[in-house]
Amino acid sequence: MSKPHPELESINATVRRRELRTSRSGLVVTVVTLLVLLLGYLGLEAGTRAVDHKPWLIKPDAAWAWFVGLPDTAQVRIGVIVGGVLLLLLGLALLYAALAPGRRPVRELPARRVIALVDHDVLAQALVRGAQLAAGVGAEQVRVGVDGRGVHVSIRPTSGVPVDAEAVRAAVAADLERNGLDPATPVAVQLAATGVVGQ
C-alpha cells in the first residue's frame, strides 16, 4: 500500500486535531467577559472615589477593610473557609479545562487518504439492530449510548423471555469490528429489572 504524501499527512493531522477536539473559545470568552466586567466596575468605583462622588455600590477602601478583617471575624470564619475552597475548586476546574484536550462526541473510522468521522449518536443507532437481534426483543426495548468510555446498552426484556447479556455484548463488539472500530471497546450491557408484556 502506497504511503500518503507528506503534505496530505500534515493536512489530515490538522483536520483530525480540529475535528476530534473541542474549541475552548466559549470558555475563554466567558471568563474574559467576567474579568472585564469586574475590572470595569473596580475602575468605575475608583473613578468615583477620585472625584469624591458617592460610590455606586461600596467604597473601595471600605470593601478592602472588610476583606482584610474577615479572618478575625469568628462568625464568618466558616464562610471564608468554604468560599476559599470553592474558589480553589473553580481555579482547578479552569486549569483542567485549559490544559486537558477536549473531545468531540465523534469517532474516527479507518479510511485511506481521507478522514472519516462518525458521530456517537449515529454510531449508537447503527449498533441498535445487532443488540436487538441478539436479545430477541423489539427495537423500542433497546437503547444504545456511545461516549468516550465505551458503549452502553440498556435492554428491557420481554416478560418471561430471558436475555443473554454476554451474547448481546459479543454482537455489539462484532458490529464495532465490522464498522472498522476497535472491538476491544468496552461494551456494558444492562438488563432492566422489569420486563415488558409480549404481544
N, C-alpha and C. Protein backbone atom coordinates (compact mmCIF):
# COMPACT_ATOMS: atom_id res chain seq x y z
N MET A 1 0.85 -1.18 0.00
CA MET A 1 0.00 0.00 0.00
C MET A 1 0.89 1.24 0.00
N SER A 2 0.61 2.16 -0.93
CA SER A 2 1.44 3.35 -1.04
C SER A 2 1.23 4.28 0.14
N LYS A 3 2.32 4.91 0.53
CA LYS A 3 2.27 5.84 1.66
C LYS A 3 1.70 7.17 1.21
N PRO A 4 0.81 7.79 2.04
CA PRO A 4 0.26 9.10 1.66
C PRO A 4 1.37 10.14 1.55
N HIS A 5 1.14 11.10 0.71
CA HIS A 5 2.09 12.20 0.52
C HIS A 5 2.27 12.94 1.84
N PRO A 6 3.51 13.37 2.17
CA PRO A 6 3.74 14.07 3.45
C PRO A 6 2.84 15.29 3.65
N GLU A 7 2.58 16.04 2.57
CA GLU A 7 1.72 17.22 2.69
C GLU A 7 0.29 16.81 3.04
N LEU A 8 -0.18 15.69 2.44
CA LEU A 8 -1.51 15.19 2.75
C LEU A 8 -1.58 14.69 4.18
N GLU A 9 -0.52 14.06 4.65
CA GLU A 9 -0.47 13.61 6.04
C GLU A 9 -0.58 14.79 7.00
N SER A 10 0.11 15.89 6.67
CA SER A 10 0.07 17.08 7.52
C SER A 10 -1.34 17.67 7.55
N ILE A 11 -1.99 17.73 6.39
CA ILE A 11 -3.35 18.27 6.32
C ILE A 11 -4.30 17.38 7.11
N ASN A 12 -4.16 16.06 6.96
CA ASN A 12 -5.02 15.13 7.68
C ASN A 12 -4.84 15.26 9.19
N ALA A 13 -3.59 15.45 9.63
CA ALA A 13 -3.32 15.60 11.06
C ALA A 13 -4.00 16.87 11.60
N THR A 14 -3.96 17.95 10.81
CA THR A 14 -4.60 19.20 11.22
C THR A 14 -6.11 19.04 11.30
N VAL A 15 -6.70 18.40 10.27
CA VAL A 15 -8.14 18.18 10.26
C VAL A 15 -8.56 17.28 11.41
N ARG A 16 -7.77 16.23 11.65
CA ARG A 16 -8.08 15.28 12.72
C ARG A 16 -8.08 16.01 14.08
N ARG A 17 -7.05 16.83 14.30
CA ARG A 17 -6.96 17.56 15.57
C ARG A 17 -8.13 18.53 15.73
N ARG A 18 -8.50 19.20 14.64
CA ARG A 18 -9.57 20.20 14.71
C ARG A 18 -10.94 19.56 14.90
N GLU A 19 -11.17 18.41 14.25
CA GLU A 19 -12.49 17.80 14.29
C GLU A 19 -12.71 16.91 15.50
N LEU A 20 -11.64 16.37 16.09
CA LEU A 20 -11.80 15.48 17.23
C LEU A 20 -11.76 16.22 18.56
N ARG A 21 -11.22 17.42 18.57
CA ARG A 21 -11.11 18.17 19.82
C ARG A 21 -12.03 19.37 19.81
N THR A 22 -12.58 19.67 20.98
CA THR A 22 -13.48 20.81 21.09
C THR A 22 -12.70 22.10 21.28
N SER A 23 -13.30 23.19 20.84
CA SER A 23 -12.69 24.50 20.99
C SER A 23 -12.92 25.02 22.41
N ARG A 24 -11.95 25.75 22.94
CA ARG A 24 -12.09 26.36 24.26
C ARG A 24 -12.52 27.82 24.16
N SER A 25 -12.89 28.28 22.97
CA SER A 25 -13.19 29.70 22.79
C SER A 25 -14.37 30.16 23.62
N GLY A 26 -15.41 29.32 23.76
CA GLY A 26 -16.58 29.71 24.56
C GLY A 26 -16.22 29.96 26.01
N LEU A 27 -15.42 29.04 26.57
CA LEU A 27 -14.98 29.20 27.96
C LEU A 27 -14.10 30.43 28.12
N VAL A 28 -13.19 30.64 27.18
CA VAL A 28 -12.28 31.79 27.24
C VAL A 28 -13.08 33.09 27.18
N VAL A 29 -14.04 33.17 26.27
CA VAL A 29 -14.85 34.39 26.13
C VAL A 29 -15.62 34.66 27.41
N THR A 30 -16.19 33.61 28.03
CA THR A 30 -16.95 33.78 29.27
C THR A 30 -16.07 34.31 30.39
N VAL A 31 -14.91 33.68 30.59
CA VAL A 31 -14.01 34.09 31.67
C VAL A 31 -13.50 35.51 31.44
N VAL A 32 -13.10 35.82 30.22
CA VAL A 32 -12.58 37.16 29.92
C VAL A 32 -13.68 38.21 30.10
N THR A 33 -14.90 37.89 29.69
CA THR A 33 -16.01 38.84 29.86
C THR A 33 -16.26 39.14 31.33
N LEU A 34 -16.24 38.10 32.17
CA LEU A 34 -16.43 38.30 33.61
C LEU A 34 -15.30 39.15 34.20
N LEU A 35 -14.07 38.88 33.77
CA LEU A 35 -12.94 39.67 34.26
C LEU A 35 -13.03 41.12 33.82
N VAL A 36 -13.43 41.34 32.57
CA VAL A 36 -13.57 42.72 32.07
C VAL A 36 -14.65 43.46 32.85
N LEU A 37 -15.79 42.79 33.12
CA LEU A 37 -16.86 43.42 33.90
C LEU A 37 -16.39 43.75 35.31
N LEU A 38 -15.67 42.82 35.94
CA LEU A 38 -15.17 43.07 37.29
C LEU A 38 -14.19 44.23 37.32
N LEU A 39 -13.23 44.21 36.38
CA LEU A 39 -12.25 45.29 36.33
C LEU A 39 -12.90 46.62 35.97
N GLY A 40 -13.91 46.58 35.09
CA GLY A 40 -14.63 47.81 34.73
C GLY A 40 -15.34 48.40 35.93
N TYR A 41 -15.96 47.51 36.74
CA TYR A 41 -16.63 48.00 37.94
C TYR A 41 -15.63 48.59 38.92
N LEU A 42 -14.49 47.90 39.13
CA LEU A 42 -13.46 48.42 40.04
C LEU A 42 -12.94 49.77 39.56
N GLY A 43 -12.76 49.90 38.25
CA GLY A 43 -12.31 51.18 37.69
C GLY A 43 -13.34 52.28 37.90
N LEU A 44 -14.63 51.90 37.77
CA LEU A 44 -15.70 52.88 37.98
C LEU A 44 -15.72 53.36 39.43
N GLU A 45 -15.60 52.42 40.36
CA GLU A 45 -15.60 52.80 41.78
C GLU A 45 -14.37 53.65 42.12
N ALA A 46 -13.21 53.26 41.53
CA ALA A 46 -12.01 54.06 41.78
C ALA A 46 -12.16 55.47 41.22
N GLY A 47 -12.81 55.59 40.05
CA GLY A 47 -13.02 56.91 39.45
C GLY A 47 -13.95 57.78 40.29
N THR A 48 -15.05 57.17 40.79
CA THR A 48 -15.96 57.95 41.63
C THR A 48 -15.29 58.36 42.94
N ARG A 49 -14.41 57.50 43.45
CA ARG A 49 -13.66 57.83 44.70
C ARG A 49 -12.71 58.99 44.44
N ALA A 50 -12.10 59.01 43.23
CA ALA A 50 -11.11 60.05 42.92
C ALA A 50 -11.76 61.43 42.82
N VAL A 51 -13.04 61.49 42.40
CA VAL A 51 -13.71 62.79 42.26
C VAL A 51 -14.65 63.06 43.43
N ASP A 52 -14.49 62.31 44.53
CA ASP A 52 -15.30 62.48 45.73
C ASP A 52 -16.80 62.35 45.45
N HIS A 53 -17.14 61.41 44.57
CA HIS A 53 -18.54 61.15 44.26
C HIS A 53 -19.02 59.96 45.08
N LYS A 54 -20.35 59.85 45.28
CA LYS A 54 -20.89 58.72 46.02
C LYS A 54 -20.58 57.41 45.28
N PRO A 55 -20.19 56.37 46.01
CA PRO A 55 -19.90 55.08 45.35
C PRO A 55 -21.18 54.47 44.77
N TRP A 56 -21.01 53.68 43.70
CA TRP A 56 -22.16 53.01 43.08
C TRP A 56 -22.70 51.92 44.01
N LEU A 57 -21.82 51.13 44.57
CA LEU A 57 -22.24 50.07 45.49
C LEU A 57 -21.56 50.17 46.84
N ILE A 58 -20.24 50.22 46.83
CA ILE A 58 -19.49 50.25 48.08
C ILE A 58 -18.15 50.96 47.84
N LYS A 59 -17.68 51.65 48.87
CA LYS A 59 -16.40 52.33 48.75
C LYS A 59 -15.27 51.30 48.65
N PRO A 60 -14.31 51.51 47.75
CA PRO A 60 -13.20 50.55 47.62
C PRO A 60 -12.43 50.35 48.91
N ASP A 61 -12.15 51.44 49.66
CA ASP A 61 -11.38 51.28 50.89
C ASP A 61 -12.19 50.54 51.95
N ALA A 62 -13.53 50.75 51.98
CA ALA A 62 -14.37 50.02 52.93
C ALA A 62 -14.42 48.54 52.57
N ALA A 63 -14.51 48.24 51.27
CA ALA A 63 -14.53 46.83 50.84
C ALA A 63 -13.22 46.15 51.18
N TRP A 64 -12.10 46.87 50.97
CA TRP A 64 -10.79 46.28 51.28
C TRP A 64 -10.63 46.06 52.79
N ALA A 65 -11.09 47.00 53.60
CA ALA A 65 -11.01 46.86 55.05
C ALA A 65 -11.85 45.67 55.52
N TRP A 66 -13.04 45.49 54.91
CA TRP A 66 -13.89 44.34 55.26
C TRP A 66 -13.20 43.03 54.89
N PHE A 67 -12.59 42.99 53.68
CA PHE A 67 -11.93 41.77 53.20
C PHE A 67 -10.75 41.41 54.10
N VAL A 68 -9.94 42.43 54.47
CA VAL A 68 -8.77 42.18 55.32
C VAL A 68 -9.18 41.72 56.71
N GLY A 69 -10.32 42.21 57.18
CA GLY A 69 -10.75 41.86 58.53
C GLY A 69 -11.50 40.54 58.63
N LEU A 70 -11.75 39.87 57.50
CA LEU A 70 -12.52 38.62 57.54
C LEU A 70 -11.91 37.54 58.43
N PRO A 71 -10.60 37.27 58.37
CA PRO A 71 -10.06 36.19 59.21
C PRO A 71 -10.23 36.40 60.70
N ASP A 72 -10.41 37.66 61.12
CA ASP A 72 -10.55 37.94 62.56
C ASP A 72 -12.00 37.91 63.02
N THR A 73 -12.93 37.70 62.07
CA THR A 73 -14.34 37.69 62.43
C THR A 73 -14.78 36.24 62.63
N ALA A 74 -15.00 35.85 63.90
CA ALA A 74 -15.29 34.46 64.21
C ALA A 74 -16.58 33.98 63.55
N GLN A 75 -17.56 34.87 63.43
CA GLN A 75 -18.86 34.44 62.91
C GLN A 75 -18.79 34.01 61.45
N VAL A 76 -17.88 34.59 60.67
CA VAL A 76 -17.84 34.28 59.24
C VAL A 76 -16.62 33.43 58.87
N ARG A 77 -15.92 32.90 59.87
CA ARG A 77 -14.71 32.13 59.57
C ARG A 77 -15.02 30.90 58.71
N ILE A 78 -16.12 30.20 59.04
CA ILE A 78 -16.51 29.01 58.26
C ILE A 78 -16.85 29.43 56.83
N GLY A 79 -17.56 30.55 56.69
CA GLY A 79 -17.90 31.04 55.35
C GLY A 79 -16.66 31.37 54.53
N VAL A 80 -15.65 31.95 55.19
CA VAL A 80 -14.40 32.27 54.50
C VAL A 80 -13.72 31.00 54.01
N ILE A 81 -13.71 29.96 54.89
CA ILE A 81 -13.07 28.70 54.51
C ILE A 81 -13.81 28.06 53.34
N VAL A 82 -15.14 28.04 53.41
CA VAL A 82 -15.94 27.45 52.33
C VAL A 82 -15.74 28.23 51.04
N GLY A 83 -15.75 29.57 51.14
CA GLY A 83 -15.53 30.38 49.95
C GLY A 83 -14.16 30.15 49.34
N GLY A 84 -13.14 30.02 50.21
CA GLY A 84 -11.79 29.75 49.70
C GLY A 84 -11.70 28.41 49.01
N VAL A 85 -12.35 27.39 49.57
CA VAL A 85 -12.34 26.05 48.94
C VAL A 85 -13.06 26.10 47.59
N LEU A 86 -14.19 26.81 47.54
CA LEU A 86 -14.92 26.92 46.27
C LEU A 86 -14.10 27.64 45.20
N LEU A 87 -13.40 28.71 45.61
CA LEU A 87 -12.54 29.42 44.65
C LEU A 87 -11.40 28.53 44.18
N LEU A 88 -10.84 27.73 45.10
CA LEU A 88 -9.78 26.80 44.73
C LEU A 88 -10.29 25.78 43.72
N LEU A 89 -11.48 25.21 43.97
CA LEU A 89 -12.05 24.23 43.05
C LEU A 89 -12.35 24.85 41.69
N LEU A 90 -12.85 26.10 41.70
CA LEU A 90 -13.11 26.79 40.44
C LEU A 90 -11.81 27.00 39.66
N GLY A 91 -10.76 27.41 40.37
CA GLY A 91 -9.47 27.60 39.71
C GLY A 91 -8.92 26.31 39.13
N LEU A 92 -9.05 25.21 39.89
CA LEU A 92 -8.58 23.91 39.39
C LEU A 92 -9.39 23.46 38.18
N ALA A 93 -10.71 23.71 38.21
CA ALA A 93 -11.56 23.34 37.07
C ALA A 93 -11.16 24.12 35.82
N LEU A 94 -10.91 25.42 35.99
CA LEU A 94 -10.49 26.24 34.84
C LEU A 94 -9.12 25.80 34.32
N LEU A 95 -8.22 25.45 35.24
CA LEU A 95 -6.90 24.98 34.84
C LEU A 95 -7.00 23.67 34.07
N TYR A 96 -7.85 22.77 34.56
CA TYR A 96 -8.04 21.48 33.86
C TYR A 96 -8.64 21.71 32.48
N ALA A 97 -9.64 22.61 32.40
CA ALA A 97 -10.27 22.90 31.11
C ALA A 97 -9.28 23.51 30.13
N ALA A 98 -8.32 24.27 30.65
CA ALA A 98 -7.34 24.92 29.78
C ALA A 98 -6.28 23.93 29.27
N LEU A 99 -5.91 22.96 30.11
CA LEU A 99 -4.81 22.07 29.77
C LEU A 99 -5.26 20.74 29.16
N ALA A 100 -6.40 20.22 29.60
CA ALA A 100 -6.85 18.90 29.12
C ALA A 100 -7.44 19.04 27.72
N PRO A 101 -7.14 18.09 26.85
CA PRO A 101 -7.71 18.15 25.50
C PRO A 101 -9.20 17.80 25.52
N GLY A 102 -10.03 18.69 25.01
CA GLY A 102 -11.45 18.40 24.93
C GLY A 102 -11.72 17.43 23.78
N ARG A 103 -12.75 16.63 23.92
CA ARG A 103 -13.08 15.64 22.89
C ARG A 103 -14.49 15.88 22.38
N ARG A 104 -14.64 15.87 21.07
CA ARG A 104 -15.97 15.95 20.48
C ARG A 104 -16.61 14.56 20.52
N PRO A 105 -17.94 14.49 20.50
CA PRO A 105 -18.61 13.18 20.52
C PRO A 105 -18.59 12.50 19.15
N VAL A 106 -17.38 12.23 18.64
CA VAL A 106 -17.22 11.57 17.35
C VAL A 106 -16.10 10.53 17.46
N ARG A 107 -16.13 9.57 16.54
CA ARG A 107 -15.07 8.56 16.45
C ARG A 107 -14.54 8.56 15.03
N GLU A 108 -13.27 8.19 14.92
CA GLU A 108 -12.65 8.13 13.60
C GLU A 108 -12.73 6.72 13.06
N LEU A 109 -13.14 6.62 11.80
CA LEU A 109 -13.21 5.33 11.13
C LEU A 109 -11.95 5.16 10.27
N PRO A 110 -11.47 3.94 10.12
CA PRO A 110 -10.30 3.73 9.27
C PRO A 110 -10.65 4.01 7.81
N ALA A 111 -9.82 4.81 7.16
CA ALA A 111 -10.04 5.16 5.76
C ALA A 111 -8.71 5.55 5.14
N ARG A 112 -8.58 5.32 3.84
CA ARG A 112 -7.36 5.69 3.13
C ARG A 112 -7.50 7.09 2.56
N ARG A 113 -6.46 7.89 2.76
CA ARG A 113 -6.32 9.22 2.16
C ARG A 113 -7.24 10.29 2.73
N VAL A 114 -8.34 9.91 3.39
CA VAL A 114 -9.28 10.91 3.90
C VAL A 114 -9.51 10.66 5.39
N ILE A 115 -10.15 11.63 6.05
CA ILE A 115 -10.54 11.48 7.44
C ILE A 115 -12.03 11.15 7.46
N ALA A 116 -12.38 10.01 8.01
CA ALA A 116 -13.78 9.60 8.12
C ALA A 116 -14.18 9.60 9.59
N LEU A 117 -15.18 10.41 9.92
CA LEU A 117 -15.64 10.53 11.30
C LEU A 117 -17.10 10.14 11.39
N VAL A 118 -17.48 9.54 12.51
CA VAL A 118 -18.88 9.18 12.75
C VAL A 118 -19.28 9.72 14.11
N ASP A 119 -20.46 10.36 14.15
CA ASP A 119 -20.98 10.92 15.38
C ASP A 119 -21.39 9.79 16.33
N HIS A 120 -21.23 10.02 17.63
CA HIS A 120 -21.58 8.99 18.62
C HIS A 120 -23.06 8.58 18.51
N ASP A 121 -23.95 9.54 18.27
CA ASP A 121 -25.38 9.21 18.17
C ASP A 121 -25.65 8.34 16.95
N VAL A 122 -24.99 8.64 15.84
CA VAL A 122 -25.16 7.84 14.62
C VAL A 122 -24.62 6.43 14.85
N LEU A 123 -23.47 6.32 15.49
CA LEU A 123 -22.89 5.02 15.79
C LEU A 123 -23.81 4.22 16.71
N ALA A 124 -24.40 4.89 17.70
CA ALA A 124 -25.31 4.20 18.63
C ALA A 124 -26.50 3.62 17.87
N GLN A 125 -27.06 4.40 16.93
CA GLN A 125 -28.20 3.90 16.15
C GLN A 125 -27.80 2.71 15.28
N ALA A 126 -26.56 2.71 14.79
CA ALA A 126 -26.09 1.60 13.96
C ALA A 126 -25.92 0.32 14.78
N LEU A 127 -25.70 0.45 16.08
CA LEU A 127 -25.48 -0.71 16.94
C LEU A 127 -26.77 -1.28 17.52
N VAL A 128 -27.87 -0.54 17.40
CA VAL A 128 -29.13 -0.99 17.98
C VAL A 128 -29.60 -2.29 17.35
N ARG A 129 -29.50 -2.40 16.02
CA ARG A 129 -30.03 -3.57 15.32
C ARG A 129 -29.38 -4.87 15.78
N GLY A 130 -28.04 -4.85 15.89
CA GLY A 130 -27.34 -6.06 16.33
C GLY A 130 -27.70 -6.44 17.75
N ALA A 131 -27.81 -5.45 18.64
CA ALA A 131 -28.19 -5.73 20.02
C ALA A 131 -29.61 -6.26 20.09
N GLN A 132 -30.49 -5.72 19.26
CA GLN A 132 -31.89 -6.15 19.25
C GLN A 132 -32.01 -7.60 18.80
N LEU A 133 -31.31 -7.96 17.72
CA LEU A 133 -31.38 -9.34 17.22
C LEU A 133 -30.79 -10.32 18.23
N ALA A 134 -29.68 -9.94 18.87
CA ALA A 134 -29.04 -10.84 19.84
C ALA A 134 -29.92 -11.03 21.07
N ALA A 135 -30.67 -9.98 21.44
CA ALA A 135 -31.52 -10.07 22.62
C ALA A 135 -32.88 -10.67 22.32
N GLY A 136 -33.28 -10.65 21.04
CA GLY A 136 -34.58 -11.17 20.67
C GLY A 136 -35.73 -10.32 21.16
N VAL A 137 -35.56 -9.01 21.12
CA VAL A 137 -36.59 -8.08 21.58
C VAL A 137 -36.88 -7.06 20.48
N GLY A 138 -37.88 -6.23 20.71
CA GLY A 138 -38.21 -5.19 19.75
C GLY A 138 -37.24 -4.03 19.83
N ALA A 139 -37.19 -3.25 18.75
CA ALA A 139 -36.25 -2.12 18.70
C ALA A 139 -36.53 -1.10 19.79
N GLU A 140 -37.80 -0.94 20.18
CA GLU A 140 -38.14 0.04 21.22
C GLU A 140 -37.69 -0.40 22.61
N GLN A 141 -37.25 -1.66 22.72
CA GLN A 141 -36.80 -2.17 24.02
C GLN A 141 -35.29 -2.05 24.20
N VAL A 142 -34.62 -1.51 23.20
CA VAL A 142 -33.16 -1.40 23.24
C VAL A 142 -32.76 0.06 23.16
N ARG A 143 -31.85 0.46 24.03
CA ARG A 143 -31.25 1.80 23.97
C ARG A 143 -29.74 1.63 23.98
N VAL A 144 -29.07 2.32 23.07
CA VAL A 144 -27.61 2.24 22.99
C VAL A 144 -27.06 3.65 23.09
N GLY A 145 -26.07 3.81 23.94
CA GLY A 145 -25.37 5.08 24.08
C GLY A 145 -23.88 4.89 23.88
N VAL A 146 -23.25 5.83 23.22
CA VAL A 146 -21.81 5.76 22.97
C VAL A 146 -21.16 7.03 23.51
N ASP A 147 -20.07 6.88 24.26
CA ASP A 147 -19.31 8.03 24.72
C ASP A 147 -17.83 7.68 24.68
N GLY A 148 -17.02 8.54 25.25
CA GLY A 148 -15.58 8.32 25.20
C GLY A 148 -15.11 7.11 25.98
N ARG A 149 -15.94 6.61 26.90
CA ARG A 149 -15.53 5.47 27.72
C ARG A 149 -15.96 4.14 27.14
N GLY A 150 -16.91 4.14 26.21
CA GLY A 150 -17.34 2.88 25.62
C GLY A 150 -18.78 2.92 25.15
N VAL A 151 -19.37 1.73 25.04
CA VAL A 151 -20.75 1.57 24.55
C VAL A 151 -21.60 1.06 25.71
N HIS A 152 -22.77 1.68 25.88
CA HIS A 152 -23.68 1.30 26.96
C HIS A 152 -25.00 0.84 26.33
N VAL A 153 -25.37 -0.40 26.60
CA VAL A 153 -26.58 -0.99 26.04
C VAL A 153 -27.56 -1.25 27.18
N SER A 154 -28.76 -0.71 27.07
CA SER A 154 -29.82 -0.95 28.04
C SER A 154 -30.95 -1.70 27.35
N ILE A 155 -31.38 -2.81 27.96
CA ILE A 155 -32.42 -3.65 27.35
C ILE A 155 -33.53 -3.89 28.36
N ARG A 156 -34.77 -3.72 27.89
CA ARG A 156 -35.93 -4.12 28.68
C ARG A 156 -36.44 -5.41 28.07
N PRO A 157 -36.15 -6.54 28.70
CA PRO A 157 -36.54 -7.82 28.11
C PRO A 157 -38.05 -8.01 28.11
N THR A 158 -38.51 -8.93 27.25
CA THR A 158 -39.91 -9.31 27.27
C THR A 158 -40.15 -10.22 28.47
N SER A 159 -41.23 -9.99 29.19
CA SER A 159 -41.51 -10.77 30.39
C SER A 159 -41.53 -12.26 30.09
N GLY A 160 -40.78 -13.03 30.90
CA GLY A 160 -40.74 -14.47 30.74
C GLY A 160 -39.75 -14.96 29.71
N VAL A 161 -39.09 -14.05 28.99
CA VAL A 161 -38.12 -14.45 27.97
C VAL A 161 -36.74 -13.98 28.42
N PRO A 162 -35.84 -14.91 28.78
CA PRO A 162 -34.51 -14.50 29.26
C PRO A 162 -33.66 -13.91 28.14
N VAL A 163 -32.77 -13.00 28.50
CA VAL A 163 -31.86 -12.37 27.55
C VAL A 163 -30.43 -12.70 27.97
N ASP A 164 -29.64 -13.16 27.02
CA ASP A 164 -28.24 -13.48 27.28
C ASP A 164 -27.41 -12.21 27.10
N ALA A 165 -27.02 -11.59 28.22
CA ALA A 165 -26.28 -10.34 28.16
C ALA A 165 -24.94 -10.51 27.46
N GLU A 166 -24.29 -11.66 27.64
CA GLU A 166 -22.99 -11.89 27.01
C GLU A 166 -23.13 -12.00 25.49
N ALA A 167 -24.23 -12.61 25.02
CA ALA A 167 -24.46 -12.69 23.57
C ALA A 167 -24.69 -11.31 22.99
N VAL A 168 -25.39 -10.45 23.72
CA VAL A 168 -25.62 -9.07 23.26
C VAL A 168 -24.29 -8.33 23.20
N ARG A 169 -23.48 -8.49 24.24
CA ARG A 169 -22.18 -7.83 24.26
C ARG A 169 -21.31 -8.27 23.09
N ALA A 170 -21.30 -9.58 22.81
CA ALA A 170 -20.50 -10.11 21.69
C ALA A 170 -21.01 -9.58 20.36
N ALA A 171 -22.33 -9.48 20.21
CA ALA A 171 -22.90 -8.98 18.95
C ALA A 171 -22.54 -7.52 18.71
N VAL A 172 -22.58 -6.71 19.79
CA VAL A 172 -22.23 -5.30 19.66
C VAL A 172 -20.74 -5.15 19.34
N ALA A 173 -19.89 -5.97 20.00
CA ALA A 173 -18.46 -5.93 19.72
C ALA A 173 -18.17 -6.33 18.28
N ALA A 174 -18.92 -7.31 17.77
CA ALA A 174 -18.74 -7.73 16.37
C ALA A 174 -19.16 -6.61 15.42
N ASP A 175 -20.23 -5.89 15.75
CA ASP A 175 -20.65 -4.75 14.92
C ASP A 175 -19.60 -3.65 14.92
N LEU A 176 -18.99 -3.42 16.08
CA LEU A 176 -17.92 -2.42 16.15
C LEU A 176 -16.77 -2.80 15.21
N GLU A 177 -16.39 -4.07 15.25
CA GLU A 177 -15.29 -4.54 14.40
C GLU A 177 -15.68 -4.46 12.93
N ARG A 178 -16.92 -4.78 12.60
CA ARG A 178 -17.39 -4.74 11.22
C ARG A 178 -17.37 -3.32 10.69
N ASN A 179 -17.60 -2.35 11.57
CA ASN A 179 -17.58 -0.94 11.14
C ASN A 179 -16.19 -0.33 11.20
N GLY A 180 -15.18 -1.17 11.49
CA GLY A 180 -13.81 -0.68 11.49
C GLY A 180 -13.37 -0.05 12.78
N LEU A 181 -14.16 -0.22 13.84
CA LEU A 181 -13.79 0.33 15.14
C LEU A 181 -13.17 -0.75 16.00
N ASP A 182 -12.52 -0.32 17.06
CA ASP A 182 -11.80 -1.25 17.93
C ASP A 182 -12.79 -2.21 18.61
N PRO A 183 -12.72 -3.53 18.35
CA PRO A 183 -13.63 -4.47 19.01
C PRO A 183 -13.38 -4.59 20.50
N ALA A 184 -12.23 -4.09 20.97
CA ALA A 184 -11.92 -4.13 22.40
C ALA A 184 -12.56 -2.96 23.16
N THR A 185 -13.32 -2.11 22.45
CA THR A 185 -14.02 -1.01 23.12
C THR A 185 -14.95 -1.58 24.19
N PRO A 186 -14.90 -1.07 25.42
CA PRO A 186 -15.75 -1.61 26.49
C PRO A 186 -17.23 -1.53 26.12
N VAL A 187 -17.93 -2.63 26.26
CA VAL A 187 -19.37 -2.69 26.00
C VAL A 187 -20.06 -3.15 27.27
N ALA A 188 -20.91 -2.31 27.83
CA ALA A 188 -21.64 -2.64 29.06
C ALA A 188 -23.10 -2.89 28.70
N VAL A 189 -23.61 -4.04 29.12
CA VAL A 189 -25.00 -4.41 28.86
C VAL A 189 -25.75 -4.43 30.17
N GLN A 190 -26.82 -3.68 30.24
CA GLN A 190 -27.64 -3.61 31.45
C GLN A 190 -29.05 -4.08 31.12
N LEU A 191 -29.53 -5.06 31.89
CA LEU A 191 -30.87 -5.58 31.72
C LEU A 191 -31.79 -4.96 32.76
N ALA A 192 -32.93 -4.45 32.32
CA ALA A 192 -33.86 -3.83 33.25
C ALA A 192 -34.46 -4.88 34.18
N ALA A 193 -34.76 -4.47 35.40
CA ALA A 193 -35.32 -5.42 36.38
C ALA A 193 -36.74 -5.83 36.01
N THR A 194 -37.49 -4.95 35.36
CA THR A 194 -38.85 -5.26 34.97
C THR A 194 -38.91 -5.36 33.45
N GLY A 195 -39.63 -6.35 32.95
CA GLY A 195 -39.76 -6.54 31.51
C GLY A 195 -41.03 -5.92 30.99
N VAL A 196 -41.22 -6.06 29.68
CA VAL A 196 -42.45 -5.56 29.04
C VAL A 196 -43.31 -6.76 28.67
N VAL A 197 -44.58 -6.54 28.58
CA VAL A 197 -45.51 -7.61 28.23
C VAL A 197 -45.40 -7.90 26.75
N GLY A 198 -45.18 -9.19 26.40
CA GLY A 198 -45.07 -9.56 25.00
C GLY A 198 -46.39 -9.45 24.28
N GLN A 199 -46.30 -9.15 22.99
CA GLN A 199 -47.52 -9.01 22.19
C GLN A 199 -47.79 -10.28 21.37
